Each structure stands twice: as structure tokens, then as C-alpha cells.
Amino acid sequence: MPTPILLPDLRAGTATLSAWYAELGESVMEGERVVEVLLDGATVDVLAPISGRLLEKRVFFGDRLAAGMELGLIE
């Protein structure tokens, strides 16, 4: 069953997606950075919640993001 990659509550309004570190179909390890978001001029890495393969990207460069938003799926 796919596991979502969620944007954590960063205690500040909205963030913007600035980069994906993994490509579709690529293997990722739990705790590895998979997404970078820009928040008030600082970059924040979002880590893989589990080890697996990146199944889906649900947001893309420049998208505005909110806490709890599903960024992608890992299976």
C-alpha cells in the first residue's frame, strides 16, 4: 500500500516546492531527503517516511504548499 509523503507543520504559512531529489521509480531510503521546500527565504528538506520506490509526484516546482499536504507517494 502506498505511503504518502506529507509536508510537516512548519509553523509558518505556506511554502513553495523548490526541488525533488528523487525521480519517479527511483528507490529512496527512510529518512533520505526527497523534497525541498522554500519557506520565508530558507530551504527545508522533507524526508522519506519509509524506504521504497517513488511512485507518484503530486506537486511540482513553484507549487504553493500547506502543512499536511500530500507531496507524493512511496510504495
PDB file of N, CA and C in Angstrom:
ATOM      1  N   MET A   1       0.846  -1.177   0.000  1.00  0.00           N
ATOM      2  CA  MET A   1       0.000   0.000   0.000  1.00  0.00           C
ATOM      3  C   MET A   1       0.896   1.248   0.000  1.00  0.00           C
ATOM      4  N   PRO A   2       0.650   2.202  -0.891  1.00  0.00           N
ATOM      5  CA  PRO A   2       1.470   3.413  -0.952  1.00  0.00           C
ATOM      6  C   PRO A   2       1.382   4.243   0.325  1.00  0.00           C
ATOM      7  N   THR A   3       2.508   4.861   0.667  1.00  0.00           N
ATOM      8  CA  THR A   3       2.592   5.740   1.833  1.00  0.00           C
ATOM      9  C   THR A   3       2.807   7.166   1.339  1.00  0.00           C
ATOM     10  N   PRO A   4       2.004   8.118   1.837  1.00  0.00           N
ATOM     11  CA  PRO A   4       2.165   9.496   1.378  1.00  0.00           C
ATOM     12  C   PRO A   4       3.390  10.168   1.986  1.00  0.00           C
ATOM     13  N   ILE A   5       3.970  11.079   1.211  1.00  0.00           N
ATOM     14  CA  ILE A   5       4.999  11.986   1.702  1.00  0.00           C
ATOM     15  C   ILE A   5       4.240  13.259   2.052  1.00  0.00           C
ATOM     16  N   LEU A   6       4.215  13.621   3.324  1.00  0.00           N
ATOM     17  CA  LEU A   6       3.433  14.764   3.782  1.00  0.00           C
ATOM     18  C   LEU A   6       4.337  15.933   4.152  1.00  0.00           C
ATOM     19  N   LEU A   7       3.855  17.141   3.875  1.00  0.00           N
ATOM     20  CA  LEU A   7       4.576  18.327   4.309  1.00  0.00           C
ATOM     21  C   LEU A   7       4.298  18.511   5.784  1.00  0.00           C
ATOM     22  N   PRO A   8       5.344  18.518   6.622  1.00  0.00           N
ATOM     23  CA  PRO A   8       5.121  18.700   8.052  1.00  0.00           C
ATOM     24  C   PRO A   8       4.648  20.114   8.363  1.00  0.00           C
ATOM     25  N   ASP A   9       4.107  20.295   9.558  1.00  0.00           N
ATOM     26  CA  ASP A   9       3.690  21.625  10.015  1.00  0.00           C
ATOM     27  C   ASP A   9       4.949  22.415  10.345  1.00  0.00           C
ATOM     28  N   LEU A  10       5.253  23.391   9.526  1.00  0.00           N
ATOM     29  CA  LEU A  10       6.480  24.165   9.690  1.00  0.00           C
ATOM     30  C   LEU A  10       6.236  25.456  10.476  1.00  0.00           C
ATOM     31  N   ARG A  11       5.054  25.600  11.027  1.00  0.00           N
ATOM     32  CA  ARG A  11       4.704  26.754  11.866  1.00  0.00           C
ATOM     33  C   ARG A  11       4.847  28.088  11.144  1.00  0.00           C
ATOM     34  N   ALA A  12       4.623  28.067   9.860  1.00  0.00           N
ATOM     35  CA  ALA A  12       4.668  29.308   9.092  1.00  0.00           C
ATOM     36  C   ALA A  12       3.839  29.135   7.836  1.00  0.00           C
ATOM     37  N   GLY A  13       2.847  29.920   7.651  1.00  0.00           N
ATOM     38  CA  GLY A  13       2.010  29.972   6.455  1.00  0.00           C
ATOM     39  C   GLY A  13       2.234  28.909   5.420  1.00  0.00           C
ATOM     40  N   THR A  14       2.508  29.351   4.212  1.00  0.00           N
ATOM     41  CA  THR A  14       2.680  28.417   3.107  1.00  0.00           C
ATOM     42  C   THR A  14       4.131  28.340   2.668  1.00  0.00           C
ATOM     43  N   ALA A  15       4.437  27.269   2.016  1.00  0.00           N
ATOM     44  CA  ALA A  15       5.779  27.023   1.490  1.00  0.00           C
ATOM     45  C   ALA A  15       5.647  26.848  -0.020  1.00  0.00           C
ATOM     46  N   THR A  16       6.781  26.852  -0.705  1.00  0.00           N
ATOM     47  CA  THR A  16       6.821  26.655  -2.152  1.00  0.00           C
ATOM     48  C   THR A  16       7.760  25.495  -2.462  1.00  0.00           C
ATOM     49  N   LEU A  17       7.329  24.587  -3.335  1.00  0.00           N
ATOM     50  CA  LEU A  17       8.193  23.474  -3.716  1.00  0.00           C
ATOM     51  C   LEU A  17       9.332  24.005  -4.575  1.00  0.00           C
ATOM     52  N   SER A  18      10.567  23.710  -4.169  1.00  0.00           N
ATOM     53  CA  SER A  18      11.712  24.194  -4.946  1.00  0.00           C
ATOM     54  C   SER A  18      12.465  23.068  -5.649  1.00  0.00           C
ATOM     55  N   ALA A  19      12.353  21.818  -5.180  1.00  0.00           N
ATOM     56  CA  ALA A  19      13.070  20.723  -5.863  1.00  0.00           C
ATOM     57  C   ALA A  19      12.594  19.361  -5.380  1.00  0.00           C
ATOM     58  N   TRP A  20      12.648  18.414  -6.299  1.00  0.00           N
ATOM     59  CA  TRP A  20      12.529  16.994  -5.971  1.00  0.00           C
ATOM     60  C   TRP A  20      13.938  16.418  -6.050  1.00  0.00           C
ATOM     61  N   TYR A  21      14.337  15.653  -5.060  1.00  0.00           N
ATOM     62  CA  TYR A  21      15.642  14.996  -5.076  1.00  0.00           C
ATOM     63  C   TYR A  21      15.566  13.592  -5.660  1.00  0.00           C
ATOM     64  N   ALA A  22      14.370  13.058  -5.820  1.00  0.00           N
ATOM     65  CA  ALA A  22      14.186  11.704  -6.356  1.00  0.00           C
ATOM     66  C   ALA A  22      13.318  11.783  -7.605  1.00  0.00           C
ATOM     67  N   GLU A  23      13.567  10.882  -8.527  1.00  0.00           N
ATOM     68  CA  GLU A  23      12.775  10.783  -9.752  1.00  0.00           C
ATOM     69  C   GLU A  23      11.763   9.649  -9.615  1.00  0.00           C
ATOM     70  N   LEU A  24      10.713   9.698 -10.414  1.00  0.00           N
ATOM     71  CA  LEU A  24       9.712   8.636 -10.394  1.00  0.00           C
ATOM     72  C   LEU A  24      10.370   7.289 -10.637  1.00  0.00           C
ATOM     73  N   GLY A  25       9.978   6.306  -9.848  1.00  0.00           N
ATOM     74  CA  GLY A  25      10.516   4.962  -9.982  1.00  0.00           C
ATOM     75  C   GLY A  25      11.823   4.739  -9.243  1.00  0.00           C
ATOM     76  N   GLU A  26      12.432   5.803  -8.764  1.00  0.00           N
ATOM     77  CA  GLU A  26      13.717   5.700  -8.067  1.00  0.00           C
ATOM     78  C   GLU A  26      13.518   5.197  -6.633  1.00  0.00           C
ATOM     79  N   SER A  27      14.458   4.399  -6.159  1.00  0.00           N
ATOM     80  CA  SER A  27      14.416   3.911  -4.775  1.00  0.00           C
ATOM     81  C   SER A  27      14.891   5.000  -3.825  1.00  0.00           C
ATOM     82  N   VAL A  28      14.212   5.101  -2.690  1.00  0.00           N
ATOM     83  CA  VAL A  28      14.599   6.033  -1.629  1.00  0.00           C
ATOM     84  C   VAL A  28      14.662   5.273  -0.317  1.00  0.00           C
ATOM     85  N   MET A  29      15.473   5.764   0.585  1.00  0.00           N
ATOM     86  CA  MET A  29      15.611   5.147   1.908  1.00  0.00           C
ATOM     87  C   MET A  29      14.866   5.991   2.940  1.00  0.00           C
ATOM     88  N   GLU A  30      14.308   5.347   3.938  1.00  0.00           N
ATOM     89  CA  GLU A  30      13.647   6.066   5.019  1.00  0.00           C
ATOM     90  C   GLU A  30      14.617   7.091   5.607  1.00  0.00           C
ATOM     91  N   GLY A  31      14.153   8.316   5.776  1.00  0.00           N
ATOM     92  CA  GLY A  31      14.976   9.374   6.336  1.00  0.00           C
ATOM     93  C   GLY A  31      15.799  10.138   5.312  1.00  0.00           C
ATOM     94  N   GLU A  32      15.803   9.676   4.066  1.00  0.00           N
ATOM     95  CA  GLU A  32      16.527  10.358   2.989  1.00  0.00           C
ATOM     96  C   GLU A  32      15.702  11.562   2.531  1.00  0.00           C
ATOM     97  N   ARG A  33      16.369  12.661   2.188  1.00  0.00           N
ATOM     98  CA  ARG A  33      15.632  13.829   1.707  1.00  0.00           C
ATOM     99  C   ARG A  33      15.100  13.545   0.308  1.00  0.00           C
ATOM    100  N   VAL A  34      13.823  13.858   0.104  1.00  0.00           N
ATOM    101  CA  VAL A  34      13.205  13.620  -1.197  1.00  0.00           C
ATOM    102  C   VAL A  34      12.640  14.895  -1.821  1.00  0.00           C
ATOM    103  N   VAL A  35      12.316  15.874  -0.990  1.00  0.00           N
ATOM    104  CA  VAL A  35      11.714  17.111  -1.471  1.00  0.00           C
ATOM    105  C   VAL A  35      12.353  18.287  -0.746  1.00  0.00           C
ATOM    106  N   GLU A  36      12.515  19.400  -1.464  1.00  0.00           N
ATOM    107  CA  GLU A  36      12.991  20.634  -0.850  1.00  0.00           C
ATOM    108  C   GLU A  36      11.899  21.685  -1.017  1.00  0.00           C
ATOM    109  N   VAL A  37      11.597  22.392   0.078  1.00  0.00           N
ATOM    110  CA  VAL A  37      10.624  23.475   0.020  1.00  0.00           C
ATOM    111  C   VAL A  37      11.286  24.761   0.486  1.00  0.00           C
ATOM    112  N   LEU A  38      10.789  25.863  -0.041  1.00  0.00           N
ATOM    113  CA  LEU A  38      11.283  27.183   0.320  1.00  0.00           C
ATOM    114  C   LEU A  38      10.269  27.818   1.255  1.00  0.00           C
ATOM    115  N   LEU A  39      10.757  28.299   2.396  1.00  0.00           N
ATOM    116  CA  LEU A  39       9.884  28.857   3.422  1.00  0.00           C
ATOM    117  C   LEU A  39      10.544  30.105   3.992  1.00  0.00           C
ATOM    118  N   ASP A  40       9.967  31.252   3.739  1.00  0.00           N
ATOM    119  CA  ASP A  40      10.499  32.517   4.248  1.00  0.00           C
ATOM    120  C   ASP A  40      11.991  32.677   3.963  1.00  0.00           C
ATOM    121  N   GLY A  41      12.406  32.342   2.749  1.00  0.00           N
ATOM    122  CA  GLY A  41      13.796  32.515   2.353  1.00  0.00           C
ATOM    123  C   GLY A  41      14.729  31.406   2.792  1.00  0.00           C
ATOM    124  N   ALA A  42      14.241  30.436   3.539  1.00  0.00           N
ATOM    125  CA  ALA A  42      15.060  29.304   3.985  1.00  0.00           C
ATOM    126  C   ALA A  42      14.581  28.042   3.272  1.00  0.00           C
ATOM    127  N   THR A  43      15.498  27.122   3.037  1.00  0.00           N
ATOM    128  CA  THR A  43      15.108  25.849   2.440  1.00  0.00           C
ATOM    129  C   THR A  43      14.963  24.800   3.545  1.00  0.00           C
ATOM    130  N   VAL A  44      13.971  23.945   3.368  1.00  0.00           N
ATOM    131  CA  VAL A  44      13.684  22.876   4.323  1.00  0.00           C
ATOM    132  C   VAL A  44      13.549  21.584   3.537  1.00  0.00           C
ATOM    133  N   ASP A  45      14.219  20.535   3.984  1.00  0.00           N
ATOM    134  CA  ASP A  45      14.109  19.219   3.343  1.00  0.00           C
ATOM    135  C   ASP A  45      12.974  18.427   3.965  1.00  0.00           C
ATOM    136  N   VAL A  46      12.235  17.723   3.119  1.00  0.00           N
ATOM    137  CA  VAL A  46      11.213  16.780   3.574  1.00  0.00           C
ATOM    138  C   VAL A  46      11.790  15.392   3.348  1.00  0.00           C
ATOM    139  N   LEU A  47      11.742  14.553   4.378  1.00  0.00           N
ATOM    140  CA  LEU A  47      12.373  13.234   4.346  1.00  0.00           C
ATOM    141  C   LEU A  47      11.382  12.136   4.001  1.00  0.00           C
ATOM    142  N   ALA A  48      11.881  11.066   3.418  1.00  0.00           N
ATOM    143  CA  ALA A  48      11.046   9.909   3.085  1.00  0.00           C
ATOM    144  C   ALA A  48      10.574   9.241   4.373  1.00  0.00           C
ATOM    145  N   PRO A  49       9.270   9.004   4.498  1.00  0.00           N
ATOM    146  CA  PRO A  49       8.749   8.366   5.702  1.00  0.00           C
ATOM    147  C   PRO A  49       9.049   6.869   5.790  1.00  0.00           C
ATOM    148  N   ILE A  50       9.312   6.244   4.625  1.00  0.00           N
ATOM    149  CA  ILE A  50       9.630   4.817   4.556  1.00  0.00           C
ATOM    150  C   ILE A  50      10.625   4.600   3.419  1.00  0.00           C
ATOM    151  N   SER A  51      11.228   3.421   3.398  1.00  0.00           N
ATOM    152  CA  SER A  51      12.059   3.027   2.252  1.00  0.00           C
ATOM    153  C   SER A  51      11.140   2.440   1.189  1.00  0.00           C
ATOM    154  N   GLY A  52      11.457   2.704  -0.057  1.00  0.00           N
ATOM    155  CA  GLY A  52      10.645   2.172  -1.143  1.00  0.00           C
ATOM    156  C   GLY A  52      10.977   2.866  -2.441  1.00  0.00           C
ATOM    157  N   ARG A  53      10.002   2.880  -3.336  1.00  0.00           N
ATOM    158  CA  ARG A  53      10.167   3.453  -4.664  1.00  0.00           C
ATOM    159  C   ARG A  53       9.210   4.630  -4.797  1.00  0.00           C
ATOM    160  N   LEU A  54       9.705   5.758  -5.340  1.00  0.00           N
ATOM    161  CA  LEU A  54       8.842   6.925  -5.542  1.00  0.00           C
ATOM    162  C   LEU A  54       7.830   6.595  -6.633  1.00  0.00           C
ATOM    163  N   LEU A  55       6.595   6.504  -6.242  1.00  0.00           N
ATOM    164  CA  LEU A  55       5.511   6.073  -7.122  1.00  0.00           C
ATOM    165  C   LEU A  55       4.848   7.245  -7.846  1.00  0.00           C
ATOM    166  N   GLU A  56       4.700   8.368  -7.140  1.00  0.00           N
ATOM    167  CA  GLU A  56       3.950   9.485  -7.711  1.00  0.00           C
ATOM    168  C   GLU A  56       4.404  10.808  -7.111  1.00  0.00           C
ATOM    169  N   LYS A  57       4.468  11.834  -7.949  1.00  0.00           N
ATOM    170  CA  LYS A  57       4.701  13.217  -7.504  1.00  0.00           C
ATOM    171  C   LYS A  57       3.371  13.941  -7.658  1.00  0.00           C
ATOM    172  N   ARG A  58       2.902  14.550  -6.578  1.00  0.00           N
ATOM    173  CA  ARG A  58       1.609  15.239  -6.637  1.00  0.00           C
ATOM    174  C   ARG A  58       1.744  16.753  -6.681  1.00  0.00           C
ATOM    175  N   VAL A  59       2.961  17.256  -6.498  1.00  0.00           N
ATOM    176  CA  VAL A  59       3.222  18.697  -6.578  1.00  0.00           C
ATOM    177  C   VAL A  59       4.502  18.902  -7.384  1.00  0.00           C
ATOM    178  N   PHE A  60       4.647  20.114  -7.917  1.00  0.00           N
ATOM    179  CA  PHE A  60       5.764  20.383  -8.813  1.00  0.00           C
ATOM    180  C   PHE A  60       6.384  21.741  -8.514  1.00  0.00           C
ATOM    181  N   PHE A  61       7.523  22.019  -9.134  1.00  0.00           N
ATOM    182  CA  PHE A  61       8.283  23.235  -8.897  1.00  0.00           C
ATOM    183  C   PHE A  61       7.370  24.462  -8.924  1.00  0.00           C
ATOM    184  N   GLY A  62       7.487  25.271  -7.872  1.00  0.00           N
ATOM    185  CA  GLY A  62       6.724  26.508  -7.787  1.00  0.00           C
ATOM    186  C   GLY A  62       5.354  26.393  -7.164  1.00  0.00           C
ATOM    187  N   ASP A  63       4.860  25.156  -6.959  1.00  0.00           N
ATOM    188  CA  ASP A  63       3.550  24.987  -6.337  1.00  0.00           C
ATOM    189  C   ASP A  63       3.571  25.508  -4.903  1.00  0.00           C
ATOM    190  N   ARG A  64       2.482  26.171  -4.499  1.00  0.00           N
ATOM    191  CA  ARG A  64       2.327  26.627  -3.120  1.00  0.00           C
ATOM    192  C   ARG A  64       1.816  25.456  -2.300  1.00  0.00           C
ATOM    193  N   LEU A  65       2.368  25.276  -1.108  1.00  0.00           N
ATOM    194  CA  LEU A  65       2.075  24.118  -0.269  1.00  0.00           C
ATOM    195  C   LEU A  65       1.609  24.555   1.110  1.00  0.00           C
ATOM    196  N   ALA A  66       0.799  23.735   1.732  1.00  0.00           N
ATOM    197  CA  ALA A  66       0.334  23.982   3.095  1.00  0.00           C
ATOM    198  C   ALA A  66       0.645  22.760   3.959  1.00  0.00           C
ATOM    199  N   ALA A  67       0.767  22.977   5.247  1.00  0.00           N
ATOM    200  CA  ALA A  67       1.064  21.895   6.191  1.00  0.00           C
ATOM    201  C   ALA A  67       0.086  20.740   6.010  1.00  0.00           C
ATOM    202  N   GLY A  68       0.624  19.516   6.021  1.00  0.00           N
ATOM    203  CA  GLY A  68      -0.191  18.320   5.904  1.00  0.00           C
ATOM    204  C   GLY A  68      -0.492  17.917   4.463  1.00  0.00           C
ATOM    205  N   MET A  69      -0.104  18.746   3.521  1.00  0.00           N
ATOM    206  CA  MET A  69      -0.370  18.460   2.107  1.00  0.00           C
ATOM    207  C   MET A  69       0.413  17.227   1.657  1.00  0.00           C
ATOM    208  N   GLU A  70      -0.227  16.415   0.826  1.00  0.00           N
ATOM    209  CA  GLU A  70       0.406  15.215   0.271  1.00  0.00           C
ATOM    210  C   GLU A  70       1.271  15.621  -0.929  1.00  0.00           C
ATOM    211  N   LEU A  71       2.568  15.384  -0.809  1.00  0.00           N
ATOM    212  CA  LEU A  71       3.507  15.795  -1.851  1.00  0.00           C
ATOM    213  C   LEU A  71       3.727  14.709  -2.897  1.00  0.00           C
ATOM    214  N   GLY A  72       3.660  13.464  -2.460  1.00  0.00           N
ATOM    215  CA  GLY A  72       3.889  12.330  -3.348  1.00  0.00           C
ATOM    216  C   GLY A  72       3.606  11.030  -2.630  1.00  0.00           C
ATOM    217  N   LEU A  73       3.869   9.920  -3.324  1.00  0.00           N
ATOM    218  CA  LEU A  73       3.636   8.594  -2.755  1.00  0.00           C
ATOM    219  C   LEU A  73       4.852   7.709  -2.918  1.00  0.00           C
ATOM    220  N   ILE A  74       5.122   6.896  -1.907  1.00  0.00           N
ATOM    221  CA  ILE A  74       6.188   5.892  -1.945  1.00  0.00           C
ATOM    222  C   ILE A  74       5.542   4.528  -1.731  1.00  0.00           C
ATOM    223  N   GLU A  75       5.988   3.541  -2.521  1.00  0.00           N
ATOM    224  CA  GLU A  75       5.482   2.171  -2.306  1.00  0.00           C
ATOM    225  C   GLU A  75       6.621   1.230  -2.055  1.00  0.00           C
TER     226      GLU A  75
END
